[in-house]
Amino acid sequence: PGFGLISHMITNESMNKETFDSMGMIYASISIELLGL
């Protein structure tokens, strides 16, 4: 559930602010790694 929420937030942010798309990907990668641990 946490992963879905994070993904949903990142998707909305990247869609609303395309300039922060790269930052969203970085946060997504970090979140996935943390959840993987």
Protein backbone atom coordinates (compact mmCIF):
# COMPACT_ATOMS: atom_id res chain seq x y z
CA PRO A 1 0.00 0.00 0.00
CA GLY A 2 2.82 2.41 0.81
CA PHE A 3 4.43 1.85 -2.58
CA GLY A 4 1.16 2.54 -4.37
CA LEU A 5 0.66 5.78 -2.44
CA ILE A 6 4.21 6.98 -3.18
CA SER A 7 3.86 6.06 -6.86
CA HIS A 8 0.53 7.91 -7.04
CA MET A 9 2.01 11.04 -5.43
CA ILE A 10 5.07 11.00 -7.70
CA THR A 11 2.86 10.50 -10.76
CA ASN A 12 0.69 13.49 -9.82
CA GLU A 13 3.73 15.67 -9.09
CA SER A 14 5.43 14.77 -12.38
CA MET A 15 2.20 15.44 -14.29
CA ASN A 16 1.59 18.78 -12.56
CA LYS A 17 5.23 19.88 -12.65
CA GLU A 18 7.03 18.42 -15.66
CA THR A 19 10.20 20.31 -14.71
CA PHE A 20 10.48 18.17 -11.58
CA ASP A 21 10.05 14.91 -13.51
CA SER A 22 13.73 14.02 -13.08
CA MET A 23 13.54 14.68 -9.34
CA GLY A 24 10.41 12.55 -9.14
CA MET A 25 12.28 9.66 -10.75
CA ILE A 26 15.10 10.05 -8.22
CA TYR A 27 12.66 10.03 -5.31
CA ALA A 28 10.90 7.03 -6.84
CA SER A 29 14.19 5.11 -7.08
CA ILE A 30 15.09 5.95 -3.48
CA SER A 31 11.61 4.99 -2.25
CA ILE A 32 11.73 1.67 -4.11
CA GLU A 33 15.16 0.90 -2.65
CA LEU A 34 14.04 1.77 0.89
CA LEU A 35 10.88 -0.33 0.55
CA GLY A 36 12.99 -3.14 -0.90
CA LEU A 37 15.07 -3.22 2.27
